[in-house]
C-alpha atoms as a PDB file:
ATOM      1  CA  MET A   1     -18.426  -9.235 -30.355  1.00  0.00           C
ATOM      2  CA  SER A   2     -19.196 -11.681 -33.081  1.00  0.00           C
ATOM      3  CA  GLU A   3     -16.994 -14.662 -33.911  1.00  0.00           C
ATOM      4  CA  LYS A   4     -16.208 -13.077 -37.290  1.00  0.00           C
ATOM      5  CA  ASP A   5     -15.046  -9.856 -35.594  1.00  0.00           C
ATOM      6  CA  ARG A   6     -12.951 -11.817 -33.100  1.00  0.00           C
ATOM      7  CA  ASP A   7     -11.300 -13.869 -35.846  1.00  0.00           C
ATOM      8  CA  SER A   8     -10.204 -10.696 -37.644  1.00  0.00           C
ATOM      9  CA  LEU A   9      -8.298  -9.393 -34.613  1.00  0.00           C
ATOM     10  CA  GLU A  10      -4.637 -10.042 -33.901  1.00  0.00           C
ATOM     11  CA  HIS A  11      -4.052 -12.752 -31.288  1.00  0.00           C
ATOM     12  CA  VAL A  12      -1.734 -11.873 -28.396  1.00  0.00           C
ATOM     13  CA  LEU A  13      -0.858 -13.580 -25.104  1.00  0.00           C
ATOM     14  CA  GLY A  14      -1.204 -11.907 -21.734  1.00  0.00           C
ATOM     15  CA  PHE A  15       0.575 -12.639 -18.471  1.00  0.00           C
ATOM     16  CA  ILE A  16      -0.211 -12.448 -14.780  1.00  0.00           C
ATOM     17  CA  ARG A  17       1.817 -10.519 -12.218  1.00  0.00           C
ATOM     18  CA  THR A  18       1.205 -10.450  -8.458  1.00  0.00           C
ATOM     19  CA  HIS A  19       1.721  -7.110  -6.679  1.00  0.00           C
ATOM     20  CA  PHE A  20       3.046  -6.807  -3.108  1.00  0.00           C
ATOM     21  CA  ASN A  21       3.816  -4.221  -0.459  1.00  0.00           C
ATOM     22  CA  CYS A  22       6.337  -5.673   1.974  1.00  0.00           C
ATOM     23  CA  PRO A  23       4.786  -5.878   5.467  1.00  0.00           C
ATOM     24  CA  ASP A  24       8.166  -4.961   7.020  1.00  0.00           C
ATOM     25  CA  CYS A  25       9.601  -2.120   4.889  1.00  0.00           C
ATOM     26  CA  ASN A  26       6.539  -1.344   2.691  1.00  0.00           C
ATOM     27  CA  PHE A  27       8.598  -1.795  -0.505  1.00  0.00           C
ATOM     28  CA  ASP A  28       6.282  -1.867  -3.535  1.00  0.00           C
ATOM     29  CA  PHE A  29       7.108  -4.677  -6.005  1.00  0.00           C
ATOM     30  CA  ASP A  30       5.603  -7.376  -8.203  1.00  0.00           C
ATOM     31  CA  GLU A  31       6.527 -10.842  -9.387  1.00  0.00           C
ATOM     32  CA  GLU A  32       5.502 -12.797 -12.442  1.00  0.00           C
ATOM     33  CA  GLY A  33       2.665 -15.297 -12.138  1.00  0.00           C
ATOM     34  CA  ASP A  34       0.011 -16.074  -9.558  1.00  0.00           C
ATOM     35  CA  ARG A  35       2.029 -16.241  -6.327  1.00  0.00           C
ATOM     36  CA  SER A  36      -0.897 -17.101  -4.037  1.00  0.00           C
ATOM     37  CA  SER A  37      -0.117 -19.660  -1.325  1.00  0.00           C
ATOM     38  CA  GLU A  38       3.637 -19.077  -1.721  1.00  0.00           C
ATOM     39  CA  ALA A  39       6.356 -17.638   0.472  1.00  0.00           C
ATOM     40  CA  ILE A  40       7.695 -14.377  -0.975  1.00  0.00           C
ATOM     41  CA  GLU A  41      10.999 -12.651  -0.224  1.00  0.00           C
ATOM     42  CA  CYS A  42      11.154  -8.871  -0.391  1.00  0.00           C
ATOM     43  CA  PRO A  43      13.959  -7.794  -2.774  1.00  0.00           C
ATOM     44  CA  ALA A  44      14.648  -4.677  -0.657  1.00  0.00           C
ATOM     45  CA  CYS A  45      14.952  -6.067   2.885  1.00  0.00           C
ATOM     46  CA  GLN A  46      14.852  -9.874   2.381  1.00  0.00           C
ATOM     47  CA  THR A  47      11.907 -10.278   4.767  1.00  0.00           C
ATOM     48  CA  ARG A  48       9.947 -13.424   3.940  1.00  0.00           C
ATOM     49  CA  PHE A  49       6.167 -13.360   4.084  1.00  0.00           C
ATOM     50  CA  TRP A  50       3.276 -15.505   2.901  1.00  0.00           C
ATOM     51  CA  CYS A  51       0.910 -14.504   0.086  1.00  0.00           C
ATOM     52  CA  ARG A  52      -2.354 -16.005   1.299  1.00  0.00           C
ATOM     53  CA  GLU A  53      -4.447 -15.133  -1.765  1.00  0.00           C
ATOM     54  CA  VAL A  54      -4.579 -12.937  -4.833  1.00  0.00           C
ATOM     55  CA  ARG A  55      -7.681 -10.852  -5.398  1.00  0.00           C
END
């Protein structure tokens, strides 16, 4: 894509979400942002687990 083509396109912002499956109850959920290296709490069963990395 040329710079001219890029400049003619509308500019929008994206966002990152991190997806999880709870290791205790297998609840499927996501949270906004890169949650790597953070403790996460499952909204279904309140089990806390660690998100080692995001791939």
